C-alpha atoms as a PDB file:
ATOM      1  CA  MET A   1      51.822  34.325   4.612  1.00  0.00           C
ATOM      2  CA  ASN A   2      54.167  32.645   2.137  1.00  0.00           C
ATOM      3  CA  ILE A   3      57.672  31.963   3.442  1.00  0.00           C
ATOM      4  CA  GLU A   4      60.274  30.818   0.950  1.00  0.00           C
ATOM      5  CA  MET A   5      63.095  28.701   2.311  1.00  0.00           C
ATOM      6  CA  GLU A   6      66.625  29.096   0.959  1.00  0.00           C
ATOM      7  CA  LEU A   7      69.027  26.182   1.012  1.00  0.00           C
ATOM      8  CA  LEU A   8      72.781  26.520   0.548  1.00  0.00           C
ATOM      9  CA  VAL A   9      74.261  23.382  -0.970  1.00  0.00           C
ATOM     10  CA  ALA A  10      77.991  23.345  -0.240  1.00  0.00           C
ATOM     11  CA  THR A  11      79.085  22.805  -3.825  1.00  0.00           C
ATOM     12  CA  HIS A  12      80.157  24.727  -6.898  1.00  0.00           C
ATOM     13  CA  ASN A  13      78.545  22.074  -9.108  1.00  0.00           C
ATOM     14  CA  GLU A  14      75.631  23.761 -10.903  1.00  0.00           C
ATOM     15  CA  HIS A  15      74.244  20.427 -12.119  1.00  0.00           C
ATOM     16  CA  LYS A  16      74.050  19.111  -8.547  1.00  0.00           C
ATOM     17  CA  LYS A  17      72.322  22.343  -7.501  1.00  0.00           C
ATOM     18  CA  GLU A  18      69.763  21.973 -10.321  1.00  0.00           C
ATOM     19  CA  GLU A  19      69.095  18.318  -9.450  1.00  0.00           C
ATOM     20  CA  ILE A  20      68.412  19.213  -5.819  1.00  0.00           C
ATOM     21  CA  GLN A  21      66.183  22.112  -6.911  1.00  0.00           C
ATOM     22  CA  GLN A  22      64.113  19.730  -9.046  1.00  0.00           C
ATOM     23  CA  ILE A  23      63.723  17.322  -6.126  1.00  0.00           C
ATOM     24  CA  LEU A  24      62.675  20.050  -3.662  1.00  0.00           C
ATOM     25  CA  GLY A  25      60.399  21.957  -6.042  1.00  0.00           C
ATOM     26  CA  SER A  26      59.352  25.578  -5.888  1.00  0.00           C
ATOM     27  CA  GLY A  27      58.939  25.831  -2.100  1.00  0.00           C
ATOM     28  CA  CYS A  28      62.686  26.120  -1.661  1.00  0.00           C
ATOM     29  CA  VAL A  29      65.360  28.117  -3.466  1.00  0.00           C
ATOM     30  CA  VAL A  30      68.580  26.134  -3.792  1.00  0.00           C
ATOM     31  CA  LYS A  31      71.798  28.170  -3.801  1.00  0.00           C
ATOM     32  CA  SER A  32      75.383  27.091  -4.375  1.00  0.00           C
ATOM     33  CA  LEU A  33      78.593  28.381  -2.843  1.00  0.00           C
ATOM     34  CA  THR A  34      79.099  30.435  -6.003  1.00  0.00           C
ATOM     35  CA  ASP A  35      75.710  32.130  -5.461  1.00  0.00           C
ATOM     36  CA  TYR A  36      77.011  33.322  -2.088  1.00  0.00           C
ATOM     37  CA  ASN A  37      80.263  34.564  -3.614  1.00  0.00           C
ATOM     38  CA  ILE A  38      82.246  31.797  -1.921  1.00  0.00           C
ATOM     39  CA  HIS A  39      84.807  30.642  -4.458  1.00  0.00           C
ATOM     40  CA  GLU A  40      87.286  28.742  -2.303  1.00  0.00           C
ATOM     41  CA  GLU A  41      87.310  24.974  -2.440  1.00  0.00           C
ATOM     42  CA  ILE A  42      86.493  23.456   0.932  1.00  0.00           C
ATOM     43  CA  VAL A  43      89.126  20.955   2.007  1.00  0.00           C
ATOM     44  CA  GLU A  44      87.350  17.687   2.769  1.00  0.00           C
ATOM     45  CA  ASP A  45      89.941  15.858   4.831  1.00  0.00           C
ATOM     46  CA  GLY A  46      87.603  14.043   7.199  1.00  0.00           C
ATOM     47  CA  ASP A  47      87.714  10.280   7.616  1.00  0.00           C
ATOM     48  CA  SER A  48      84.138   9.731   6.416  1.00  0.00           C
ATOM     49  CA  PHE A  49      81.398  11.248   4.285  1.00  0.00           C
ATOM     50  CA  HIS A  50      79.701  12.435   7.483  1.00  0.00           C
ATOM     51  CA  ALA A  51      82.892  14.087   8.756  1.00  0.00           C
ATOM     52  CA  ASN A  52      83.300  15.919   5.442  1.00  0.00           C
ATOM     53  CA  ALA A  53      79.677  17.106   5.583  1.00  0.00           C
ATOM     54  CA  LEU A  54      80.368  18.565   9.024  1.00  0.00           C
ATOM     55  CA  ILE A  55      83.515  20.293   7.706  1.00  0.00           C
ATOM     56  CA  LYS A  56      81.469  21.893   4.916  1.00  0.00           C
ATOM     57  CA  ALA A  57      78.675  22.925   7.295  1.00  0.00           C
ATOM     58  CA  LYS A  58      81.113  24.560   9.708  1.00  0.00           C
ATOM     59  CA  TYR A  59      82.855  26.366   6.863  1.00  0.00           C
ATOM     60  CA  CYS A  60      79.556  27.715   5.494  1.00  0.00           C
ATOM     61  CA  PHE A  61      78.428  28.831   8.931  1.00  0.00           C
ATOM     62  CA  GLU A  62      81.693  30.677   9.523  1.00  0.00           C
ATOM     63  CA  LYS A  63      81.499  32.360   6.102  1.00  0.00           C
ATOM     64  CA  GLN A  64      77.827  33.368   6.197  1.00  0.00           C
ATOM     65  CA  GLU A  65      76.793  33.121   9.867  1.00  0.00           C
ATOM     66  CA  PHE A  66      73.384  31.594   9.316  1.00  0.00           C
ATOM     67  CA  GLN A  67      71.716  28.446  10.529  1.00  0.00           C
ATOM     68  CA  VAL A  68      73.317  25.324   9.104  1.00  0.00           C
ATOM     69  CA  TRP A  69      71.775  21.891   8.669  1.00  0.00           C
ATOM     70  CA  VAL A  70      73.926  18.933   7.714  1.00  0.00           C
ATOM     71  CA  MET A  71      72.596  16.454   5.192  1.00  0.00           C
ATOM     72  CA  THR A  72      74.701  13.384   4.612  1.00  0.00           C
ATOM     73  CA  ALA A  73      73.069  11.910   1.552  1.00  0.00           C
ATOM     74  CA  VAL A  74      74.893  10.772  -1.575  1.00  0.00           C
ATOM     75  CA  TRP A  75      73.502  12.354  -4.752  1.00  0.00           C
END
């Protein structure tokens, strides 16, 4: 059984999406906000990078209602 994982990266930046896809390889399909028909810009008004990642994760969960993981890495 071959299960393909899909990862939503909370960005509209196609280059960032492609970079992450190259890092993760073929076992994961990387999608952007645009791929999910989410065109609004997410307001990142937290007081840290971590806080902004949580804001994006909550927003994506509320829009799509699927499991959300928060990654706080700088690309």
